[in-house]
N, C-alpha and C. Protein backbone atom coordinates (compact mmCIF):
# COMPACT_ATOMS: atom_id res chain seq x y z
N MET A 1 129.02 -5.96 -86.72
CA MET A 1 128.27 -5.01 -87.47
C MET A 1 127.88 -3.88 -86.38
N THR A 2 127.81 -2.72 -86.92
CA THR A 2 126.98 -1.38 -86.01
C THR A 2 126.05 -1.38 -85.69
N LYS A 3 125.80 -1.36 -84.38
CA LYS A 3 124.04 -1.32 -84.17
C LYS A 3 123.66 -0.11 -84.32
N PRO A 4 122.23 0.02 -84.37
CA PRO A 4 121.60 1.36 -84.90
C PRO A 4 121.70 2.46 -83.56
N ASN A 5 121.57 3.90 -83.64
CA ASN A 5 121.43 4.29 -82.61
C ASN A 5 120.22 4.41 -81.83
N ALA A 6 119.89 5.15 -80.75
CA ALA A 6 118.67 4.81 -80.05
C ALA A 6 117.50 5.30 -81.35
N ALA A 7 118.05 6.58 -81.69
CA ALA A 7 116.80 6.83 -82.45
C ALA A 7 116.12 6.11 -83.60
N GLU A 8 117.32 5.38 -84.30
CA GLU A 8 117.06 4.41 -85.25
C GLU A 8 116.07 3.39 -84.62
N LEU A 9 116.54 2.83 -83.75
CA LEU A 9 116.15 1.57 -82.75
C LEU A 9 114.77 1.97 -82.89
N LEU A 10 114.36 3.08 -82.29
CA LEU A 10 112.97 3.31 -81.50
C LEU A 10 112.07 3.53 -83.00
N ARG A 11 112.98 4.07 -83.83
CA ARG A 11 111.88 4.60 -85.29
C ARG A 11 111.38 3.53 -85.58
N ALA A 12 112.09 2.57 -85.87
CA ALA A 12 111.80 1.47 -86.37
C ALA A 12 111.09 0.63 -85.60
N ALA A 13 111.22 0.52 -84.45
CA ALA A 13 110.09 -0.18 -83.43
C ALA A 13 108.82 0.21 -83.46
N ARG A 14 108.98 1.42 -82.98
CA ARG A 14 107.13 2.42 -82.98
C ARG A 14 106.54 1.88 -81.26
N LEU A 15 106.54 0.34 -81.36
CA LEU A 15 106.08 0.08 -80.12
C LEU A 15 107.04 -0.97 -79.53
N VAL A 16 107.41 -0.39 -78.47
CA VAL A 16 108.41 -1.59 -77.56
C VAL A 16 107.50 -2.10 -76.34
N ALA A 17 107.68 -3.60 -76.30
CA ALA A 17 107.27 -4.22 -75.17
C ALA A 17 108.06 -4.48 -74.01
N VAL A 18 107.67 -3.74 -73.08
CA VAL A 18 108.28 -3.66 -71.32
C VAL A 18 107.50 -4.88 -70.83
N LEU A 19 108.65 -5.80 -70.25
CA LEU A 19 108.58 -7.13 -70.07
C LEU A 19 109.16 -7.10 -68.55
N THR A 20 108.49 -7.22 -67.31
CA THR A 20 108.74 -7.73 -66.08
C THR A 20 108.56 -9.09 -65.86
N ILE A 21 109.94 -9.92 -65.98
CA ILE A 21 109.68 -11.48 -65.93
C ILE A 21 110.19 -11.96 -64.55
N GLU A 22 109.22 -12.72 -64.19
CA GLU A 22 109.51 -13.71 -62.39
C GLU A 22 110.20 -14.89 -63.22
N ASP A 23 110.18 -15.83 -64.17
CA ASP A 23 110.50 -16.61 -64.47
C ASP A 23 111.51 -17.16 -65.85
N ALA A 24 112.59 -17.02 -65.85
CA ALA A 24 113.39 -16.77 -67.01
C ALA A 24 113.34 -17.86 -68.02
N ASP A 25 112.68 -18.99 -67.70
CA ASP A 25 112.39 -19.99 -68.42
C ASP A 25 111.33 -19.77 -69.44
N ARG A 26 110.65 -18.76 -68.85
CA ARG A 26 109.05 -18.57 -69.72
C ARG A 26 109.53 -16.97 -70.63
N ALA A 27 110.87 -16.31 -70.71
CA ALA A 27 111.22 -15.57 -71.21
C ALA A 27 111.04 -15.82 -72.91
N VAL A 28 111.79 -16.61 -73.42
CA VAL A 28 111.71 -17.26 -74.73
C VAL A 28 110.72 -17.31 -75.51
N PRO A 29 109.60 -18.19 -74.49
CA PRO A 29 108.20 -18.26 -75.42
C PRO A 29 106.98 -16.92 -75.76
N LEU A 30 107.67 -16.02 -74.54
CA LEU A 30 107.08 -15.24 -74.21
C LEU A 30 107.31 -13.95 -75.47
N VAL A 31 108.61 -13.91 -75.67
CA VAL A 31 108.92 -13.15 -76.81
C VAL A 31 108.54 -13.66 -77.97
N ARG A 32 108.72 -14.65 -78.31
CA ARG A 32 108.47 -15.46 -79.35
C ARG A 32 107.07 -15.15 -79.79
N ALA A 33 106.13 -14.94 -78.87
CA ALA A 33 104.79 -14.98 -78.88
C ALA A 33 104.26 -13.32 -79.60
N LEU A 34 105.32 -12.40 -78.65
CA LEU A 34 105.00 -10.88 -78.96
C LEU A 34 105.65 -10.78 -80.74
N VAL A 35 107.08 -11.26 -80.72
CA VAL A 35 107.29 -11.48 -82.47
C VAL A 35 106.10 -11.95 -83.40
N ALA A 36 105.60 -13.20 -83.00
CA ALA A 36 104.70 -13.46 -83.75
C ALA A 36 103.30 -12.56 -84.24
N GLY A 37 103.02 -11.42 -83.04
CA GLY A 37 102.30 -10.52 -83.14
C GLY A 37 102.61 -9.23 -83.91
N GLY A 38 103.87 -8.99 -83.87
CA GLY A 38 104.50 -8.07 -84.84
C GLY A 38 105.20 -7.01 -84.05
N VAL A 39 105.46 -7.47 -82.73
CA VAL A 39 106.21 -6.47 -82.04
C VAL A 39 107.80 -7.18 -81.71
N ARG A 40 108.88 -6.85 -82.38
CA ARG A 40 110.16 -7.09 -82.06
C ARG A 40 111.21 -6.97 -80.89
N THR A 41 110.80 -5.56 -80.59
CA THR A 41 111.83 -4.72 -79.64
C THR A 41 111.14 -4.91 -78.28
N VAL A 42 112.05 -5.34 -77.71
CA VAL A 42 111.23 -6.02 -75.96
C VAL A 42 112.83 -5.12 -75.10
N GLU A 43 112.01 -4.46 -74.29
CA GLU A 43 112.57 -3.98 -72.95
C GLU A 43 112.34 -5.16 -71.80
N ILE A 44 113.08 -5.85 -71.44
CA ILE A 44 113.37 -6.54 -70.33
C ILE A 44 114.01 -6.01 -69.20
N THR A 45 112.83 -5.78 -67.94
CA THR A 45 113.14 -4.95 -67.02
C THR A 45 114.13 -5.50 -66.00
N LEU A 46 115.31 -5.25 -65.35
CA LEU A 46 115.69 -5.67 -64.28
C LEU A 46 115.19 -5.42 -62.80
N ARG A 47 113.51 -5.45 -62.94
CA ARG A 47 112.90 -5.24 -61.72
C ARG A 47 112.91 -6.55 -60.90
N THR A 48 113.46 -7.49 -61.56
CA THR A 48 113.27 -8.92 -60.62
C THR A 48 114.89 -9.70 -61.11
N LYS A 49 114.72 -10.79 -60.19
CA LYS A 49 116.19 -11.38 -60.12
C LYS A 49 116.43 -12.09 -61.36
N ALA A 50 115.19 -12.48 -62.41
CA ALA A 50 115.54 -13.10 -63.55
C ALA A 50 115.63 -12.64 -64.47
N GLY A 51 115.73 -11.01 -64.53
CA GLY A 51 115.92 -10.29 -65.71
C GLY A 51 117.10 -10.11 -66.31
N ALA A 52 118.29 -10.72 -66.06
CA ALA A 52 119.32 -10.75 -66.61
C ALA A 52 119.47 -11.99 -67.21
N ALA A 53 119.18 -13.04 -66.58
CA ALA A 53 119.07 -14.21 -67.34
C ALA A 53 118.25 -14.39 -68.31
N ALA A 54 116.80 -13.85 -68.30
CA ALA A 54 116.05 -13.53 -69.16
C ALA A 54 116.12 -12.65 -70.53
N ALA A 55 116.77 -11.89 -70.21
CA ALA A 55 117.67 -11.14 -71.43
C ALA A 55 118.42 -11.80 -72.19
N ALA A 56 119.39 -12.57 -71.50
CA ALA A 56 120.15 -13.17 -71.96
C ALA A 56 119.75 -14.80 -72.86
N ALA A 57 118.75 -15.28 -72.61
CA ALA A 57 118.06 -16.01 -73.05
C ALA A 57 117.66 -15.83 -74.30
N VAL A 58 116.87 -14.74 -74.25
CA VAL A 58 116.00 -14.09 -75.52
C VAL A 58 117.26 -13.82 -76.81
N ARG A 59 118.17 -13.45 -76.04
CA ARG A 59 119.24 -12.74 -77.19
C ARG A 59 119.85 -14.17 -77.61
N GLN A 60 119.99 -15.17 -76.86
CA GLN A 60 120.56 -16.36 -77.49
C GLN A 60 119.54 -17.26 -78.60
N ALA A 61 118.01 -17.22 -78.02
CA ALA A 61 117.34 -18.04 -78.84
C ALA A 61 116.02 -17.27 -79.74
N VAL A 62 116.39 -15.84 -79.84
CA VAL A 62 115.30 -15.32 -80.55
C VAL A 62 116.12 -13.93 -81.39
N PRO A 63 116.93 -14.48 -82.11
CA PRO A 63 117.80 -13.97 -82.73
C PRO A 63 117.19 -12.37 -83.91
N GLU A 64 115.85 -12.56 -84.23
CA GLU A 64 114.88 -11.99 -84.86
C GLU A 64 114.31 -10.42 -83.70
N ALA A 65 114.56 -11.05 -82.78
CA ALA A 65 114.23 -9.82 -81.31
C ALA A 65 115.16 -8.56 -81.35
N VAL A 66 114.73 -7.67 -81.10
CA VAL A 66 115.63 -6.67 -80.57
C VAL A 66 115.68 -6.39 -79.47
N VAL A 67 116.60 -6.83 -78.48
CA VAL A 67 116.72 -6.95 -76.79
C VAL A 67 117.60 -5.76 -76.43
N GLY A 68 116.51 -5.23 -75.23
CA GLY A 68 117.43 -4.54 -74.44
C GLY A 68 117.01 -5.03 -72.94
N ILE A 69 117.75 -3.68 -71.98
CA ILE A 69 117.16 -4.07 -70.71
C ILE A 69 116.53 -2.88 -69.86
N GLY A 70 115.96 -2.68 -69.12
CA GLY A 70 115.52 -1.55 -68.64
C GLY A 70 115.51 -1.55 -67.15
N THR A 71 114.87 -0.58 -66.51
CA THR A 71 115.23 -0.46 -65.16
C THR A 71 116.74 -0.40 -64.63
N VAL A 72 117.54 0.22 -65.60
CA VAL A 72 118.89 0.56 -65.57
C VAL A 72 119.13 1.58 -64.39
N LEU A 73 119.98 1.64 -63.51
CA LEU A 73 119.81 2.30 -61.96
C LEU A 73 121.29 2.70 -61.84
N ALA A 74 122.11 1.84 -62.34
CA ALA A 74 123.72 2.23 -62.09
C ALA A 74 124.65 1.81 -63.85
N PRO A 75 125.94 2.28 -63.33
CA PRO A 75 126.76 1.92 -64.41
C PRO A 75 126.96 0.27 -64.58
N ASP A 76 126.69 -0.63 -63.54
CA ASP A 76 127.01 -1.68 -63.52
C ASP A 76 125.66 -2.22 -64.40
N ASP A 77 125.11 -1.80 -64.10
CA ASP A 77 123.76 -2.33 -65.32
C ASP A 77 124.01 -1.99 -66.91
N LEU A 78 124.72 -1.07 -67.05
CA LEU A 78 124.90 -0.74 -68.16
C LEU A 78 125.88 -1.55 -68.64
N ALA A 79 127.00 -1.99 -67.77
CA ALA A 79 127.95 -2.89 -68.33
C ALA A 79 127.54 -4.25 -68.67
N LEU A 80 126.42 -4.36 -67.66
CA LEU A 80 125.98 -5.91 -68.05
C LEU A 80 125.13 -5.58 -69.29
N ALA A 81 124.57 -4.95 -69.93
CA ALA A 81 123.89 -4.87 -71.26
C ALA A 81 125.06 -4.92 -72.10
N ARG A 82 126.29 -4.64 -72.17
CA ARG A 82 127.29 -4.71 -73.10
C ARG A 82 127.96 -5.71 -72.90
N ARG A 83 127.99 -6.78 -71.97
CA ARG A 83 128.51 -8.13 -71.43
C ARG A 83 127.42 -9.13 -72.33
N LEU A 84 126.11 -8.76 -72.23
CA LEU A 84 125.34 -9.62 -73.08
C LEU A 84 124.98 -8.98 -74.28
N ASP A 85 125.81 -8.27 -74.83
CA ASP A 85 125.87 -7.90 -76.29
C ASP A 85 124.45 -7.30 -76.46
N LEU A 86 123.77 -6.65 -75.80
CA LEU A 86 122.35 -6.36 -76.16
C LEU A 86 122.15 -5.23 -76.73
N ASP A 87 120.90 -4.71 -77.28
CA ASP A 87 120.95 -3.85 -78.61
C ASP A 87 120.81 -2.45 -77.77
N PHE A 88 120.17 -2.35 -76.38
CA PHE A 88 119.83 -0.91 -76.03
C PHE A 88 119.85 -1.25 -74.55
N ALA A 89 119.73 0.27 -73.67
CA ALA A 89 119.27 -0.27 -72.40
C ALA A 89 118.41 1.24 -72.13
N PHE A 90 117.23 0.84 -71.21
CA PHE A 90 116.55 2.06 -70.85
C PHE A 90 116.97 2.33 -69.43
N SER A 91 116.40 3.69 -68.62
CA SER A 91 116.30 3.73 -66.95
C SER A 91 115.24 4.62 -67.32
N PRO A 92 114.58 4.60 -66.09
CA PRO A 92 113.43 5.14 -65.10
C PRO A 92 113.82 6.73 -65.03
N GLY A 93 114.85 6.87 -64.71
CA GLY A 93 115.79 8.43 -64.43
C GLY A 93 117.03 8.40 -64.90
N ALA A 94 117.86 9.53 -64.44
CA ALA A 94 119.45 9.08 -64.67
C ALA A 94 120.04 10.18 -63.97
N THR A 95 121.23 9.68 -63.45
CA THR A 95 122.17 10.54 -62.25
C THR A 95 122.96 10.93 -63.58
N PRO A 96 124.01 11.61 -63.08
CA PRO A 96 125.22 12.27 -63.96
C PRO A 96 125.91 11.14 -64.03
N ALA A 97 126.25 10.07 -63.21
CA ALA A 97 127.25 9.31 -63.11
C ALA A 97 126.60 8.33 -64.45
N LEU A 98 125.42 8.10 -64.71
CA LEU A 98 124.63 7.27 -65.38
C LEU A 98 124.72 7.68 -66.68
N LEU A 99 124.63 8.87 -66.87
CA LEU A 99 124.72 9.43 -68.43
C LEU A 99 125.93 9.31 -68.65
N ASP A 100 126.92 9.68 -67.83
CA ASP A 100 128.23 9.83 -68.30
C ASP A 100 128.86 8.20 -68.69
N ALA A 101 128.52 7.27 -67.74
CA ALA A 101 128.43 6.09 -68.27
C ALA A 101 128.31 5.36 -69.47
N ALA A 102 126.74 5.76 -70.04
CA ALA A 102 126.51 5.48 -71.22
C ALA A 102 126.98 5.99 -72.12
N ARG A 103 127.58 7.11 -71.87
CA ARG A 103 128.18 7.66 -73.03
C ARG A 103 129.67 7.11 -73.44
N ASP A 104 130.37 6.79 -72.43
CA ASP A 104 131.64 6.18 -72.41
C ASP A 104 131.39 4.88 -73.01
N LEU A 105 130.51 4.31 -72.67
CA LEU A 105 130.34 2.63 -73.11
C LEU A 105 130.08 2.27 -74.50
N GLY A 106 129.11 3.74 -74.79
CA GLY A 106 128.74 3.96 -76.15
C GLY A 106 127.80 2.92 -76.51
N ILE A 107 126.76 2.05 -75.43
CA ILE A 107 126.02 1.40 -75.87
C ILE A 107 124.93 2.42 -76.30
N PRO A 108 123.34 2.08 -77.15
CA PRO A 108 122.63 3.00 -77.34
C PRO A 108 121.51 2.73 -76.04
N PHE A 109 121.45 4.33 -75.60
CA PHE A 109 121.08 4.50 -74.26
C PHE A 109 119.73 5.34 -74.03
N VAL A 110 118.49 5.11 -73.38
CA VAL A 110 117.78 6.08 -73.53
C VAL A 110 117.39 6.25 -71.86
N PRO A 111 117.81 7.50 -71.76
CA PRO A 111 117.49 8.02 -70.24
C PRO A 111 116.35 8.47 -69.50
N GLY A 112 115.73 7.94 -68.82
CA GLY A 112 114.02 8.44 -68.38
C GLY A 112 114.33 9.82 -67.65
N ILE A 113 113.18 10.72 -68.25
CA ILE A 113 113.10 12.09 -67.57
C ILE A 113 111.78 12.42 -66.92
N ALA A 114 111.47 13.48 -66.50
CA ALA A 114 110.27 13.46 -65.84
C ALA A 114 109.88 14.87 -65.70
N THR A 115 111.09 15.97 -65.72
CA THR A 115 111.12 17.09 -65.58
C THR A 115 111.97 18.50 -67.17
N ALA A 116 111.93 19.30 -66.89
CA ALA A 116 112.43 19.98 -68.31
C ALA A 116 113.84 19.87 -67.66
N SER A 117 114.01 20.20 -66.16
CA SER A 117 115.46 20.24 -65.90
C SER A 117 116.62 18.89 -66.20
N GLU A 118 115.48 17.78 -65.86
CA GLU A 118 115.96 16.42 -66.45
C GLU A 118 116.38 16.45 -67.59
N LEU A 119 115.52 16.53 -68.37
CA LEU A 119 115.60 16.99 -70.15
C LEU A 119 116.79 17.26 -70.52
N MET A 120 116.99 19.00 -69.75
CA MET A 120 118.54 19.82 -69.85
C MET A 120 119.56 19.03 -69.82
N ALA A 121 119.38 18.36 -68.84
CA ALA A 121 120.79 17.38 -68.34
C ALA A 121 121.63 16.42 -69.28
N ALA A 122 120.09 15.69 -69.89
CA ALA A 122 120.33 14.68 -70.44
C ALA A 122 120.56 15.03 -72.13
N LEU A 123 120.24 16.30 -72.49
CA LEU A 123 120.49 17.01 -73.61
C LEU A 123 122.40 17.43 -73.77
N ALA A 124 122.70 18.34 -72.52
CA ALA A 124 123.98 18.54 -72.46
C ALA A 124 124.59 17.55 -72.65
N ARG A 125 124.72 16.15 -72.31
CA ARG A 125 125.62 15.31 -72.34
C ARG A 125 125.22 14.32 -73.94
N GLY A 126 124.75 14.86 -74.55
CA GLY A 126 124.37 14.28 -75.95
C GLY A 126 122.96 13.29 -75.98
N PHE A 127 122.29 13.14 -75.17
CA PHE A 127 121.03 12.24 -75.18
C PHE A 127 120.04 13.03 -75.96
N ASP A 128 119.49 13.27 -76.88
CA ASP A 128 118.21 13.84 -77.54
C ASP A 128 117.18 13.05 -77.66
N VAL A 129 117.38 11.71 -77.35
CA VAL A 129 116.27 10.77 -77.51
C VAL A 129 115.96 10.17 -75.69
N VAL A 130 114.89 10.62 -74.95
CA VAL A 130 115.00 10.15 -73.93
C VAL A 130 113.59 9.37 -73.77
N LYS A 131 113.34 8.99 -72.28
CA LYS A 131 111.85 8.14 -71.94
C LYS A 131 111.47 9.09 -71.17
N LEU A 132 109.92 9.66 -71.45
CA LEU A 132 109.47 10.11 -70.49
C LEU A 132 108.71 9.09 -69.78
N PHE A 133 108.59 8.94 -68.56
CA PHE A 133 108.38 8.04 -67.53
C PHE A 133 108.02 9.06 -65.89
N PRO A 134 106.94 8.45 -65.51
CA PRO A 134 105.57 7.82 -66.02
C PRO A 134 104.66 8.69 -66.72
N ALA A 135 104.57 8.32 -67.98
CA ALA A 135 104.03 9.61 -69.12
C ALA A 135 102.73 9.83 -68.82
N GLU A 136 102.02 9.28 -68.30
CA GLU A 136 100.55 9.38 -68.38
C GLU A 136 100.40 10.25 -67.11
N GLN A 137 100.85 9.78 -65.80
CA GLN A 137 101.27 10.33 -64.02
C GLN A 137 101.44 11.97 -64.50
N LEU A 138 102.56 11.99 -65.72
CA LEU A 138 103.28 13.57 -65.94
C LEU A 138 102.43 14.19 -66.86
N GLY A 139 101.19 13.60 -67.08
CA GLY A 139 100.41 14.70 -68.08
C GLY A 139 100.36 14.21 -69.83
N GLY A 140 101.14 13.00 -69.79
CA GLY A 140 101.03 12.52 -71.28
C GLY A 140 101.14 13.25 -72.45
N VAL A 141 99.82 13.30 -73.34
CA VAL A 141 100.08 14.16 -74.51
C VAL A 141 100.59 15.86 -74.25
N GLY A 142 99.63 15.82 -73.31
CA GLY A 142 99.89 17.50 -72.71
C GLY A 142 101.43 17.75 -72.43
N MET A 143 102.02 16.79 -71.87
CA MET A 143 103.21 17.30 -71.26
C MET A 143 104.07 17.09 -72.34
N LEU A 144 103.91 16.19 -73.41
CA LEU A 144 104.79 16.38 -74.93
C LEU A 144 104.69 17.53 -75.62
N ARG A 145 103.32 17.97 -75.65
CA ARG A 145 103.19 19.32 -76.05
C ARG A 145 103.83 20.26 -75.77
N ALA A 146 104.05 20.41 -74.45
CA ALA A 146 104.65 21.56 -73.77
C ALA A 146 105.83 21.44 -73.94
N LEU A 147 106.81 20.26 -73.88
CA LEU A 147 108.00 20.29 -73.81
C LEU A 147 108.19 20.34 -75.40
N ALA A 148 107.41 20.56 -76.20
CA ALA A 148 108.05 20.54 -77.85
C ALA A 148 108.44 21.50 -77.80
N GLY A 149 107.83 23.05 -77.36
CA GLY A 149 108.17 24.43 -77.76
C GLY A 149 109.57 24.66 -77.17
N PRO A 150 110.18 24.84 -75.95
CA PRO A 150 111.49 25.03 -75.67
C PRO A 150 112.59 23.77 -76.16
N PHE A 151 111.89 22.62 -76.16
CA PHE A 151 112.96 21.91 -76.74
C PHE A 151 112.74 20.99 -78.11
N PRO A 152 112.82 21.79 -79.31
CA PRO A 152 112.38 21.21 -80.81
C PRO A 152 113.19 20.08 -81.04
N SER A 153 114.14 19.97 -80.32
CA SER A 153 115.31 18.64 -80.67
C SER A 153 115.06 17.35 -80.36
N ALA A 154 114.51 17.39 -79.09
CA ALA A 154 114.08 16.06 -78.22
C ALA A 154 113.26 15.39 -78.61
N ARG A 155 113.51 14.25 -78.73
CA ARG A 155 112.41 13.30 -79.08
C ARG A 155 112.32 12.33 -77.86
N PHE A 156 111.14 11.13 -78.06
CA PHE A 156 110.52 11.06 -76.64
C PHE A 156 110.09 9.71 -77.08
N ASN A 157 110.04 8.69 -75.74
CA ASN A 157 109.92 7.23 -75.86
C ASN A 157 108.88 7.64 -74.78
N PRO A 158 107.53 7.72 -74.67
CA PRO A 158 106.77 7.75 -73.59
C PRO A 158 106.48 6.28 -73.06
N THR A 159 106.37 6.25 -71.51
CA THR A 159 106.11 4.93 -71.23
C THR A 159 105.40 4.98 -69.69
N GLY A 160 104.89 3.85 -69.46
CA GLY A 160 104.02 4.62 -67.84
C GLY A 160 102.73 5.14 -68.52
N GLY A 161 101.48 4.23 -68.31
CA GLY A 161 100.42 4.42 -68.30
C GLY A 161 99.86 4.43 -70.08
N VAL A 162 100.86 4.28 -71.05
CA VAL A 162 100.49 3.93 -72.51
C VAL A 162 99.68 2.84 -72.80
N THR A 163 98.48 2.68 -73.29
CA THR A 163 97.68 1.50 -73.45
C THR A 163 97.39 1.22 -74.99
N GLU A 164 96.31 0.51 -75.42
CA GLU A 164 95.95 0.19 -76.68
C GLU A 164 95.10 1.41 -76.97
N ASP A 165 94.38 1.76 -75.97
CA ASP A 165 93.51 2.96 -76.01
C ASP A 165 94.40 4.47 -76.70
N ASN A 166 94.83 4.86 -76.15
CA ASN A 166 95.77 5.85 -76.06
C ASN A 166 97.09 5.95 -77.07
N ILE A 167 97.66 4.64 -77.55
CA ILE A 167 98.86 4.72 -78.30
C ILE A 167 98.77 5.32 -79.29
N GLY A 168 97.80 5.80 -80.06
CA GLY A 168 97.55 6.29 -81.40
C GLY A 168 97.51 7.64 -81.20
N ALA A 169 97.18 8.41 -80.25
CA ALA A 169 97.29 9.86 -79.37
C ALA A 169 98.85 10.31 -79.22
N TYR A 170 99.53 9.32 -78.44
CA TYR A 170 100.96 9.36 -78.45
C TYR A 170 101.85 9.45 -79.64
N LEU A 171 101.65 8.47 -80.55
CA LEU A 171 102.35 8.17 -81.69
C LEU A 171 102.11 9.50 -82.96
N ALA A 172 100.78 10.26 -82.51
CA ALA A 172 100.69 11.30 -83.39
C ALA A 172 101.42 12.49 -82.95
N GLN A 173 101.94 13.05 -82.05
CA GLN A 173 102.81 14.03 -81.71
C GLN A 173 103.99 13.73 -82.42
N PRO A 174 104.54 14.76 -83.16
CA PRO A 174 105.74 14.85 -83.84
C PRO A 174 107.00 14.43 -83.23
N ASN A 175 107.13 14.72 -81.88
CA ASN A 175 108.24 14.57 -80.73
C ASN A 175 108.46 13.07 -80.61
N VAL A 176 107.61 12.27 -80.69
CA VAL A 176 107.64 10.71 -80.54
C VAL A 176 107.66 9.95 -81.14
N VAL A 177 108.92 9.33 -81.15
CA VAL A 177 109.59 8.20 -81.73
C VAL A 177 109.04 6.78 -81.59
N ALA A 178 108.51 6.45 -80.42
CA ALA A 178 107.84 4.94 -80.19
C ALA A 178 107.47 5.08 -78.63
N VAL A 179 106.83 4.12 -78.28
CA VAL A 179 105.96 4.21 -77.23
C VAL A 179 106.30 2.95 -76.51
N GLY A 180 106.65 2.94 -74.96
CA GLY A 180 106.58 1.62 -74.26
C GLY A 180 105.56 1.24 -74.03
N GLY A 181 105.08 -0.32 -74.12
CA GLY A 181 103.71 -0.96 -73.36
C GLY A 181 103.97 -1.94 -72.67
N SER A 182 103.60 -1.91 -71.21
CA SER A 182 103.71 -3.21 -70.40
C SER A 182 102.33 -3.88 -70.54
N TRP A 183 101.42 -3.56 -71.11
CA TRP A 183 99.98 -4.11 -71.24
C TRP A 183 100.02 -5.52 -72.28
N LEU A 184 100.96 -5.42 -73.14
CA LEU A 184 100.98 -6.65 -74.19
C LEU A 184 101.31 -7.86 -73.34
N ALA A 185 101.81 -8.00 -72.27
CA ALA A 185 102.09 -9.30 -71.45
C ALA A 185 101.67 -8.93 -70.04
N PRO A 186 100.41 -9.11 -69.71
CA PRO A 186 99.79 -9.20 -68.33
C PRO A 186 100.70 -10.42 -67.57
N PRO A 187 100.90 -10.23 -66.52
CA PRO A 187 101.47 -11.51 -65.98
C PRO A 187 100.73 -12.37 -65.48
N ALA A 188 99.71 -12.35 -65.44
CA ALA A 188 98.36 -13.64 -65.44
C ALA A 188 98.69 -14.55 -66.59
N ASP A 189 98.62 -13.90 -67.79
CA ASP A 189 98.83 -14.56 -69.02
C ASP A 189 100.31 -15.42 -69.16
N VAL A 190 101.20 -14.67 -68.88
CA VAL A 190 102.84 -15.17 -68.84
C VAL A 190 102.92 -16.32 -67.74
N ARG A 191 102.05 -15.99 -66.58
CA ARG A 191 102.31 -17.40 -65.60
C ARG A 191 101.46 -18.59 -66.32
N ALA A 192 100.38 -18.17 -67.09
CA ALA A 192 99.68 -19.18 -67.44
C ALA A 192 100.21 -20.16 -68.95
N GLY A 193 101.33 -19.10 -69.71
CA GLY A 193 101.44 -19.67 -70.57
C GLY A 193 100.77 -19.33 -71.65
N ASN A 194 99.99 -18.59 -71.48
CA ASN A 194 98.93 -18.03 -72.38
C ASN A 194 99.40 -17.23 -73.93
N TRP A 195 100.04 -18.06 -74.51
CA TRP A 195 100.82 -17.14 -75.61
C TRP A 195 99.92 -16.70 -76.50
N ASP A 196 99.29 -17.40 -76.92
CA ASP A 196 98.28 -17.25 -78.11
C ASP A 196 97.32 -15.81 -77.97
N ALA A 197 96.80 -15.56 -76.57
CA ALA A 197 96.31 -14.41 -75.66
C ALA A 197 97.47 -13.15 -76.30
N ILE A 198 98.72 -13.70 -75.96
CA ILE A 198 99.36 -12.29 -75.90
C ILE A 198 99.68 -11.86 -77.11
N THR A 199 99.90 -12.95 -78.20
CA THR A 199 100.12 -12.63 -79.68
C THR A 199 98.70 -11.76 -80.12
N ALA A 200 97.53 -12.06 -79.81
CA ALA A 200 96.42 -11.53 -80.36
C ALA A 200 96.50 -10.13 -79.54
N ARG A 201 96.87 -9.78 -78.39
CA ARG A 201 96.98 -8.58 -77.80
C ARG A 201 97.89 -7.69 -78.54
N THR A 202 99.19 -8.44 -79.24
CA THR A 202 100.15 -7.35 -79.79
C THR A 202 99.73 -7.30 -81.34
N GLN A 203 98.91 -8.39 -81.47
CA GLN A 203 98.73 -7.60 -83.28
C GLN A 203 97.49 -6.39 -83.08
N ARG A 204 96.52 -6.84 -82.20
CA ARG A 204 95.76 -5.28 -82.10
C ARG A 204 96.48 -3.98 -81.68
N GLY A 205 97.65 -4.29 -80.54
CA GLY A 205 98.43 -3.15 -80.86
C GLY A 205 98.84 -2.31 -81.74
N MET A 206 99.42 -3.59 -82.62
CA MET A 206 100.04 -2.84 -83.78
C MET A 206 99.17 -2.35 -84.86
N ALA A 207 98.05 -3.05 -84.74
CA ALA A 207 96.98 -2.39 -85.70
C ALA A 207 96.51 -1.05 -85.05
N ALA A 208 96.28 -0.73 -84.02
CA ALA A 208 96.15 0.64 -83.37
C ALA A 208 97.07 1.58 -83.78
N ILE A 209 98.11 1.14 -84.00
CA ILE A 209 99.21 2.50 -84.09
C ILE A 209 98.96 2.97 -85.29
N GLY A 210 98.82 1.90 -86.38
CA GLY A 210 98.38 2.31 -88.31
C GLY A 210 99.56 1.97 -88.77
N PRO A 211 99.91 2.28 -90.21
CA PRO A 211 101.17 2.47 -90.80
C PRO A 211 101.84 3.51 -90.72
N ALA A 212 103.10 3.41 -90.77
CA ALA A 212 103.97 4.28 -90.30
C ALA A 212 103.82 5.53 -91.28
N CYS A 213 104.04 6.34 -90.51
CA CYS A 213 104.01 7.88 -91.27
C CYS A 213 105.67 8.08 -92.49
């Protein structure tokens, strides 16, 4: 079965849960709590040693979830995503080697950008859906509006500083296909196994988005 491309995947998701997991044993109940709240698409970062094992466990045990990895820094990380049969990969930034590897592997890949020059480099290699990171620190909605003029074909997944309070403003931008949020699963709730609180927070996040346009 052909996987959806990055644009299709993000348009369907609208809200991507960004997860940094310290204990791989908590990954499956965490993602089940998110799915119960209405968020199926999860980016499990490689910021911890448990990241890869957590992604593999969720891929196996939660078939209704759309699972990818984030904090992809090198071609080997992309090869890991392919090996685990994950649905996508995100990076906080992008090097020429990483962009070329992603294109060659054919995995749905969303490179991170922070400047117009980085966006031009991604577009030149065929990546017209990018991750604006860290979004709030770069100017948030104002930055997205500024980039819309010279780059009308680019589409964005802003991540970094996105919250329940500002998610609606981001998704109202015509060049935004989805947002990434780490606030859905605070580390304290994950450590405590407070899955009901995570489900409730996820439901509020989905309610803040409103109906799809």
